[in-house]
Amino acid sequence: MTDVQINAGIGAKSAKRAATRKPARTVKTADKPLAVMDEDTHSEAFEALDPSEKYVVFRDVGEELARVLGAQVIAQMLNETPLSGREIGARLGFDHSALSRIARGDSKTGPTLWKVFALAEALGYRIELNAVKK
């Protein structure tokens, strides 16, 4: 991630608010820790699933990753910008209450990828996705 590039047109009130604001946006995590399986047990359990069950596992894991990671990325951008949620909504056309719910982890589905990229562009970020071969 890159630093936020702040527009020169931001008012003194916004800059002061950003300087004094505590990072309040956090992602909620599960109350109970999940049981940890060793790699062999995990592989055996996964291989025992039929293809339709594997599809559901991948779909559910993908949705949860998108929700949690999207929330973290949006929370980071919102915490680092001097604009309030309402200012972001007014200036950039985003629903400030939806962004807040996503950043807190209260959204059941999380942000769409285009929303993460659009907000990043509007706030002066570059999103980098990568894949690493095993």
N, C-alpha and C. Protein backbone atom coordinates (compact mmCIF):
# COMPACT_ATOMS: atom_id res chain seq x y z
N MET A 1 0.84 -1.17 0.00
CA MET A 1 0.00 0.00 0.00
C MET A 1 0.89 1.24 0.00
N THR A 2 0.35 2.30 -0.51
CA THR A 2 1.11 3.54 -0.53
C THR A 2 0.47 4.53 0.42
N ASP A 3 1.18 5.60 0.68
CA ASP A 3 0.64 6.64 1.54
C ASP A 3 -0.50 7.35 0.84
N VAL A 4 -1.39 7.91 1.61
CA VAL A 4 -2.48 8.69 1.06
C VAL A 4 -1.90 9.98 0.50
N GLN A 5 -2.31 10.32 -0.71
CA GLN A 5 -1.92 11.60 -1.28
C GLN A 5 -3.07 12.56 -1.01
N ILE A 6 -2.82 13.53 -0.17
CA ILE A 6 -3.87 14.42 0.29
C ILE A 6 -3.99 15.60 -0.66
N ASN A 7 -5.22 15.92 -1.02
CA ASN A 7 -5.46 17.08 -1.88
C ASN A 7 -5.22 18.36 -1.11
N ALA A 8 -4.70 19.36 -1.81
CA ALA A 8 -4.41 20.64 -1.17
C ALA A 8 -5.69 21.35 -0.73
N GLY A 9 -6.84 20.99 -1.27
CA GLY A 9 -8.08 21.67 -0.97
C GLY A 9 -8.74 21.23 0.34
N ILE A 10 -8.11 20.38 1.12
CA ILE A 10 -8.71 19.92 2.36
C ILE A 10 -8.67 21.05 3.38
N GLY A 11 -9.79 21.28 4.03
CA GLY A 11 -9.88 22.38 4.98
C GLY A 11 -9.14 22.11 6.27
N ALA A 12 -8.89 23.17 7.02
CA ALA A 12 -8.18 23.07 8.29
C ALA A 12 -8.95 22.22 9.29
N LYS A 13 -10.29 22.31 9.23
CA LYS A 13 -11.11 21.53 10.14
C LYS A 13 -10.90 20.03 9.90
N SER A 14 -10.84 19.63 8.63
CA SER A 14 -10.62 18.22 8.30
C SER A 14 -9.25 17.76 8.76
N ALA A 15 -8.22 18.58 8.54
CA ALA A 15 -6.86 18.22 8.94
C ALA A 15 -6.77 18.08 10.46
N LYS A 16 -7.43 19.00 11.18
CA LYS A 16 -7.41 18.95 12.64
C LYS A 16 -8.13 17.70 13.13
N ARG A 17 -9.27 17.36 12.50
CA ARG A 17 -10.03 16.18 12.89
C ARG A 17 -9.18 14.93 12.68
N ALA A 18 -8.47 14.84 11.55
CA ALA A 18 -7.65 13.67 11.26
C ALA A 18 -6.51 13.55 12.26
N ALA A 19 -5.95 14.68 12.67
CA ALA A 19 -4.82 14.65 13.60
C ALA A 19 -5.24 14.22 14.99
N THR A 20 -6.48 14.50 15.38
CA THR A 20 -6.93 14.18 16.73
C THR A 20 -7.77 12.91 16.81
N ARG A 21 -8.19 12.38 15.68
CA ARG A 21 -9.07 11.22 15.66
C ARG A 21 -8.30 9.96 16.07
N LYS A 22 -8.91 9.20 16.96
CA LYS A 22 -8.33 7.91 17.33
C LYS A 22 -8.74 6.89 16.29
N PRO A 23 -7.86 5.96 15.93
CA PRO A 23 -8.28 4.91 15.00
C PRO A 23 -9.36 4.06 15.65
N ALA A 24 -10.61 4.27 15.24
CA ALA A 24 -11.73 3.57 15.86
C ALA A 24 -12.25 2.45 14.98
N ARG A 25 -11.77 2.38 13.77
CA ARG A 25 -12.31 1.40 12.83
C ARG A 25 -11.47 0.13 12.91
N THR A 26 -12.09 -0.93 13.38
CA THR A 26 -11.39 -2.20 13.47
C THR A 26 -12.30 -3.30 12.97
N VAL A 27 -11.71 -4.39 12.60
CA VAL A 27 -12.46 -5.53 12.10
C VAL A 27 -12.74 -6.48 13.25
N LYS A 28 -13.99 -6.90 13.35
CA LYS A 28 -14.36 -7.85 14.39
C LYS A 28 -13.85 -9.24 14.02
N THR A 29 -13.39 -9.97 15.02
CA THR A 29 -12.91 -11.33 14.79
C THR A 29 -13.78 -12.29 15.59
N ALA A 30 -13.62 -13.56 15.31
CA ALA A 30 -14.40 -14.58 16.00
C ALA A 30 -14.10 -14.54 17.50
N ASP A 31 -15.14 -14.77 18.31
CA ASP A 31 -14.96 -14.76 19.75
C ASP A 31 -14.15 -15.96 20.23
N LYS A 32 -14.38 -17.11 19.61
CA LYS A 32 -13.69 -18.33 20.02
C LYS A 32 -12.62 -18.66 18.97
N PRO A 33 -11.42 -19.02 19.41
CA PRO A 33 -10.42 -19.42 18.43
C PRO A 33 -10.81 -20.75 17.78
N LEU A 34 -10.46 -20.89 16.52
CA LEU A 34 -10.76 -22.12 15.82
C LEU A 34 -9.76 -23.20 16.22
N ALA A 35 -10.23 -24.46 16.17
CA ALA A 35 -9.32 -25.57 16.45
C ALA A 35 -8.28 -25.64 15.35
N VAL A 36 -7.05 -25.92 15.71
CA VAL A 36 -5.96 -25.98 14.75
C VAL A 36 -5.72 -27.43 14.36
N MET A 37 -5.70 -27.66 13.04
CA MET A 37 -5.40 -29.00 12.52
C MET A 37 -3.99 -28.97 11.96
N ASP A 38 -3.30 -30.10 12.10
CA ASP A 38 -2.00 -30.15 11.44
C ASP A 38 -2.25 -30.30 9.93
N GLU A 39 -1.22 -30.06 9.14
CA GLU A 39 -1.37 -30.02 7.68
C GLU A 39 -1.86 -31.34 7.11
N ASP A 40 -1.36 -32.46 7.63
CA ASP A 40 -1.77 -33.77 7.11
C ASP A 40 -3.25 -34.04 7.38
N THR A 41 -3.71 -33.74 8.60
CA THR A 41 -5.12 -33.94 8.95
C THR A 41 -6.01 -33.06 8.09
N HIS A 42 -5.59 -31.83 7.89
CA HIS A 42 -6.34 -30.89 7.05
C HIS A 42 -6.44 -31.41 5.62
N SER A 43 -5.33 -31.84 5.06
CA SER A 43 -5.31 -32.36 3.68
C SER A 43 -6.20 -33.58 3.54
N GLU A 44 -6.13 -34.50 4.51
CA GLU A 44 -6.97 -35.70 4.46
C GLU A 44 -8.45 -35.34 4.51
N ALA A 45 -8.80 -34.43 5.40
CA ALA A 45 -10.21 -34.02 5.53
C ALA A 45 -10.69 -33.36 4.25
N PHE A 46 -9.86 -32.52 3.66
CA PHE A 46 -10.27 -31.84 2.43
C PHE A 46 -10.41 -32.83 1.28
N GLU A 47 -9.46 -33.75 1.15
CA GLU A 47 -9.52 -34.74 0.06
C GLU A 47 -10.72 -35.66 0.19
N ALA A 48 -11.23 -35.85 1.40
CA ALA A 48 -12.39 -36.72 1.62
C ALA A 48 -13.69 -36.08 1.14
N LEU A 49 -13.68 -34.79 0.89
CA LEU A 49 -14.88 -34.09 0.44
C LEU A 49 -15.16 -34.40 -1.03
N ASP A 50 -16.45 -34.42 -1.39
CA ASP A 50 -16.77 -34.57 -2.81
C ASP A 50 -16.64 -33.20 -3.48
N PRO A 51 -16.60 -33.15 -4.82
CA PRO A 51 -16.35 -31.88 -5.52
C PRO A 51 -17.33 -30.76 -5.17
N SER A 52 -18.60 -31.08 -4.95
CA SER A 52 -19.56 -30.02 -4.62
C SER A 52 -19.28 -29.45 -3.23
N GLU A 53 -18.83 -30.30 -2.31
CA GLU A 53 -18.47 -29.83 -0.97
C GLU A 53 -17.20 -28.97 -1.02
N LYS A 54 -16.24 -29.36 -1.86
CA LYS A 54 -15.02 -28.56 -2.03
C LYS A 54 -15.37 -27.18 -2.58
N TYR A 55 -16.30 -27.15 -3.53
CA TYR A 55 -16.73 -25.88 -4.11
C TYR A 55 -17.27 -24.97 -3.00
N VAL A 56 -18.11 -25.51 -2.13
CA VAL A 56 -18.71 -24.72 -1.05
C VAL A 56 -17.62 -24.22 -0.11
N VAL A 57 -16.63 -25.06 0.20
CA VAL A 57 -15.53 -24.64 1.08
C VAL A 57 -14.78 -23.47 0.45
N PHE A 58 -14.40 -23.61 -0.82
CA PHE A 58 -13.67 -22.54 -1.50
C PHE A 58 -14.50 -21.26 -1.59
N ARG A 59 -15.79 -21.40 -1.90
CA ARG A 59 -16.67 -20.23 -2.00
C ARG A 59 -16.77 -19.51 -0.65
N ASP A 60 -17.01 -20.28 0.40
CA ASP A 60 -17.16 -19.69 1.73
C ASP A 60 -15.87 -19.04 2.22
N VAL A 61 -14.76 -19.73 2.02
CA VAL A 61 -13.46 -19.17 2.43
C VAL A 61 -13.17 -17.90 1.64
N GLY A 62 -13.44 -17.93 0.34
CA GLY A 62 -13.21 -16.75 -0.49
C GLY A 62 -14.05 -15.57 -0.06
N GLU A 63 -15.31 -15.82 0.25
CA GLU A 63 -16.19 -14.74 0.71
C GLU A 63 -15.72 -14.16 2.04
N GLU A 64 -15.29 -15.03 2.95
CA GLU A 64 -14.82 -14.56 4.25
C GLU A 64 -13.51 -13.78 4.11
N LEU A 65 -12.62 -14.28 3.27
CA LEU A 65 -11.37 -13.53 3.03
C LEU A 65 -11.65 -12.16 2.43
N ALA A 66 -12.55 -12.12 1.46
CA ALA A 66 -12.90 -10.84 0.84
C ALA A 66 -13.50 -9.88 1.86
N ARG A 67 -14.34 -10.40 2.74
CA ARG A 67 -14.98 -9.55 3.75
C ARG A 67 -13.95 -9.01 4.73
N VAL A 68 -13.10 -9.88 5.25
CA VAL A 68 -12.14 -9.47 6.27
C VAL A 68 -11.03 -8.60 5.67
N LEU A 69 -10.43 -9.06 4.57
CA LEU A 69 -9.34 -8.28 3.97
C LEU A 69 -9.84 -6.97 3.39
N GLY A 70 -11.02 -7.00 2.77
CA GLY A 70 -11.60 -5.77 2.25
C GLY A 70 -11.87 -4.78 3.37
N ALA A 71 -12.36 -5.28 4.50
CA ALA A 71 -12.62 -4.42 5.66
C ALA A 71 -11.32 -3.82 6.18
N GLN A 72 -10.26 -4.62 6.25
CA GLN A 72 -8.98 -4.11 6.73
C GLN A 72 -8.43 -3.03 5.82
N VAL A 73 -8.50 -3.26 4.52
CA VAL A 73 -7.97 -2.29 3.56
C VAL A 73 -8.77 -1.00 3.63
N ILE A 74 -10.08 -1.10 3.66
CA ILE A 74 -10.92 0.11 3.72
C ILE A 74 -10.70 0.82 5.05
N ALA A 75 -10.61 0.09 6.16
CA ALA A 75 -10.35 0.72 7.46
C ALA A 75 -9.02 1.46 7.44
N GLN A 76 -8.00 0.88 6.85
CA GLN A 76 -6.68 1.53 6.76
C GLN A 76 -6.79 2.84 5.99
N MET A 77 -7.46 2.79 4.84
CA MET A 77 -7.59 4.01 4.03
C MET A 77 -8.39 5.08 4.77
N LEU A 78 -9.48 4.68 5.43
CA LEU A 78 -10.31 5.65 6.15
C LEU A 78 -9.57 6.24 7.34
N ASN A 79 -8.79 5.43 8.03
CA ASN A 79 -8.04 5.93 9.18
C ASN A 79 -6.94 6.89 8.79
N GLU A 80 -6.38 6.72 7.60
CA GLU A 80 -5.26 7.55 7.18
C GLU A 80 -5.68 8.81 6.42
N THR A 81 -6.93 8.94 6.08
CA THR A 81 -7.37 10.13 5.36
C THR A 81 -7.88 11.18 6.35
N PRO A 82 -7.64 12.45 6.07
CA PRO A 82 -8.16 13.49 6.95
C PRO A 82 -9.66 13.75 6.73
N LEU A 83 -10.23 13.16 5.71
CA LEU A 83 -11.65 13.38 5.43
C LEU A 83 -12.51 12.54 6.37
N SER A 84 -13.61 13.10 6.81
CA SER A 84 -14.57 12.33 7.60
C SER A 84 -15.36 11.44 6.65
N GLY A 85 -16.08 10.50 7.21
CA GLY A 85 -16.92 9.64 6.38
C GLY A 85 -17.95 10.42 5.60
N ARG A 86 -18.54 11.42 6.21
CA ARG A 86 -19.53 12.25 5.51
C ARG A 86 -18.88 13.06 4.39
N GLU A 87 -17.65 13.54 4.61
CA GLU A 87 -16.95 14.27 3.56
C GLU A 87 -16.61 13.35 2.39
N ILE A 88 -16.22 12.13 2.71
CA ILE A 88 -15.95 11.16 1.64
C ILE A 88 -17.22 10.93 0.84
N GLY A 89 -18.34 10.77 1.54
CA GLY A 89 -19.61 10.58 0.86
C GLY A 89 -19.99 11.75 -0.02
N ALA A 90 -19.85 12.96 0.52
CA ALA A 90 -20.24 14.16 -0.23
C ALA A 90 -19.31 14.43 -1.41
N ARG A 91 -18.01 14.32 -1.19
CA ARG A 91 -17.03 14.67 -2.23
C ARG A 91 -16.83 13.57 -3.26
N LEU A 92 -16.88 12.33 -2.81
CA LEU A 92 -16.48 11.23 -3.68
C LEU A 92 -17.63 10.31 -4.07
N GLY A 93 -18.81 10.51 -3.50
CA GLY A 93 -19.97 9.74 -3.91
C GLY A 93 -20.10 8.35 -3.30
N PHE A 94 -19.42 8.09 -2.19
CA PHE A 94 -19.55 6.81 -1.51
C PHE A 94 -20.57 6.94 -0.38
N ASP A 95 -21.26 5.87 -0.08
CA ASP A 95 -22.19 5.84 1.04
C ASP A 95 -21.37 5.72 2.32
N HIS A 96 -21.29 6.81 3.09
CA HIS A 96 -20.43 6.83 4.27
C HIS A 96 -20.84 5.80 5.31
N SER A 97 -22.12 5.55 5.47
CA SER A 97 -22.54 4.58 6.48
C SER A 97 -22.17 3.16 6.05
N ALA A 98 -22.25 2.87 4.75
CA ALA A 98 -21.85 1.54 4.27
C ALA A 98 -20.34 1.35 4.43
N LEU A 99 -19.56 2.38 4.12
CA LEU A 99 -18.11 2.29 4.30
C LEU A 99 -17.76 2.04 5.76
N SER A 100 -18.45 2.72 6.66
CA SER A 100 -18.20 2.55 8.08
C SER A 100 -18.52 1.13 8.53
N ARG A 101 -19.66 0.59 8.07
CA ARG A 101 -20.04 -0.79 8.42
C ARG A 101 -19.00 -1.78 7.91
N ILE A 102 -18.54 -1.56 6.67
CA ILE A 102 -17.54 -2.46 6.10
C ILE A 102 -16.26 -2.39 6.91
N ALA A 103 -15.78 -1.18 7.22
CA ALA A 103 -14.52 -0.99 7.94
C ALA A 103 -14.57 -1.59 9.34
N ARG A 104 -15.75 -1.57 9.98
CA ARG A 104 -15.90 -2.16 11.31
C ARG A 104 -16.03 -3.67 11.27
N GLY A 105 -16.24 -4.23 10.06
CA GLY A 105 -16.46 -5.66 9.94
C GLY A 105 -17.89 -6.06 10.16
N ASP A 106 -18.81 -5.08 10.14
CA ASP A 106 -20.23 -5.35 10.38
C ASP A 106 -20.99 -5.75 9.12
N SER A 107 -20.35 -5.64 7.96
CA SER A 107 -21.00 -6.00 6.71
C SER A 107 -20.93 -7.51 6.54
N LYS A 108 -22.06 -8.13 6.24
CA LYS A 108 -22.08 -9.58 6.08
C LYS A 108 -21.30 -10.03 4.85
N THR A 109 -21.29 -9.21 3.82
CA THR A 109 -20.63 -9.61 2.57
C THR A 109 -19.30 -8.90 2.35
N GLY A 110 -19.09 -7.78 2.99
CA GLY A 110 -17.87 -7.02 2.75
C GLY A 110 -17.95 -6.24 1.45
N PRO A 111 -16.87 -5.56 1.11
CA PRO A 111 -16.88 -4.73 -0.08
C PRO A 111 -16.66 -5.55 -1.35
N THR A 112 -17.18 -5.06 -2.44
CA THR A 112 -16.84 -5.65 -3.72
C THR A 112 -15.45 -5.16 -4.10
N LEU A 113 -14.79 -5.90 -4.95
CA LEU A 113 -13.44 -5.53 -5.36
C LEU A 113 -13.43 -4.17 -6.03
N TRP A 114 -14.45 -3.88 -6.85
CA TRP A 114 -14.48 -2.59 -7.53
C TRP A 114 -14.60 -1.46 -6.53
N LYS A 115 -15.33 -1.68 -5.41
CA LYS A 115 -15.47 -0.63 -4.39
C LYS A 115 -14.13 -0.35 -3.72
N VAL A 116 -13.35 -1.40 -3.43
CA VAL A 116 -12.03 -1.21 -2.84
C VAL A 116 -11.14 -0.41 -3.80
N PHE A 117 -11.13 -0.81 -5.07
CA PHE A 117 -10.30 -0.11 -6.06
C PHE A 117 -10.77 1.32 -6.27
N ALA A 118 -12.09 1.54 -6.32
CA ALA A 118 -12.62 2.89 -6.54
C ALA A 118 -12.30 3.81 -5.36
N LEU A 119 -12.45 3.33 -4.15
CA LEU A 119 -12.12 4.14 -2.98
C LEU A 119 -10.63 4.42 -2.93
N ALA A 120 -9.83 3.41 -3.25
CA ALA A 120 -8.37 3.60 -3.27
C ALA A 120 -8.00 4.69 -4.28
N GLU A 121 -8.56 4.63 -5.45
CA GLU A 121 -8.27 5.64 -6.47
C GLU A 121 -8.70 7.03 -6.00
N ALA A 122 -9.87 7.12 -5.41
CA ALA A 122 -10.39 8.41 -4.96
C ALA A 122 -9.55 9.00 -3.82
N LEU A 123 -8.96 8.14 -2.99
CA LEU A 123 -8.18 8.62 -1.85
C LEU A 123 -6.67 8.65 -2.12
N GLY A 124 -6.27 8.29 -3.34
CA GLY A 124 -4.86 8.37 -3.71
C GLY A 124 -4.03 7.15 -3.35
N TYR A 125 -4.67 5.99 -3.30
CA TYR A 125 -3.96 4.74 -3.03
C TYR A 125 -3.81 3.93 -4.31
N ARG A 126 -2.90 2.98 -4.28
CA ARG A 126 -2.76 1.99 -5.34
C ARG A 126 -2.91 0.64 -4.64
N ILE A 127 -3.82 -0.18 -5.11
CA ILE A 127 -4.03 -1.51 -4.55
C ILE A 127 -3.15 -2.49 -5.33
N GLU A 128 -2.42 -3.32 -4.60
CA GLU A 128 -1.57 -4.32 -5.23
C GLU A 128 -2.03 -5.71 -4.82
N LEU A 129 -2.36 -6.53 -5.77
CA LEU A 129 -2.71 -7.93 -5.53
C LEU A 129 -1.57 -8.78 -6.09
N ASN A 130 -1.24 -9.84 -5.41
CA ASN A 130 -0.22 -10.71 -5.96
C ASN A 130 -0.50 -12.16 -5.58
N ALA A 131 0.11 -13.05 -6.32
CA ALA A 131 0.02 -14.46 -6.04
C ALA A 131 1.44 -15.00 -5.94
N VAL A 132 1.65 -15.88 -4.99
CA VAL A 132 2.96 -16.46 -4.77
C VAL A 132 2.85 -17.95 -4.97
N LYS A 133 3.71 -18.49 -5.84
CA LYS A 133 3.68 -19.92 -6.11
C LYS A 133 4.16 -20.70 -4.88
N LYS A 134 3.49 -21.80 -4.61
CA LYS A 134 3.85 -22.65 -3.47
C LYS A 134 5.23 -23.25 -3.67
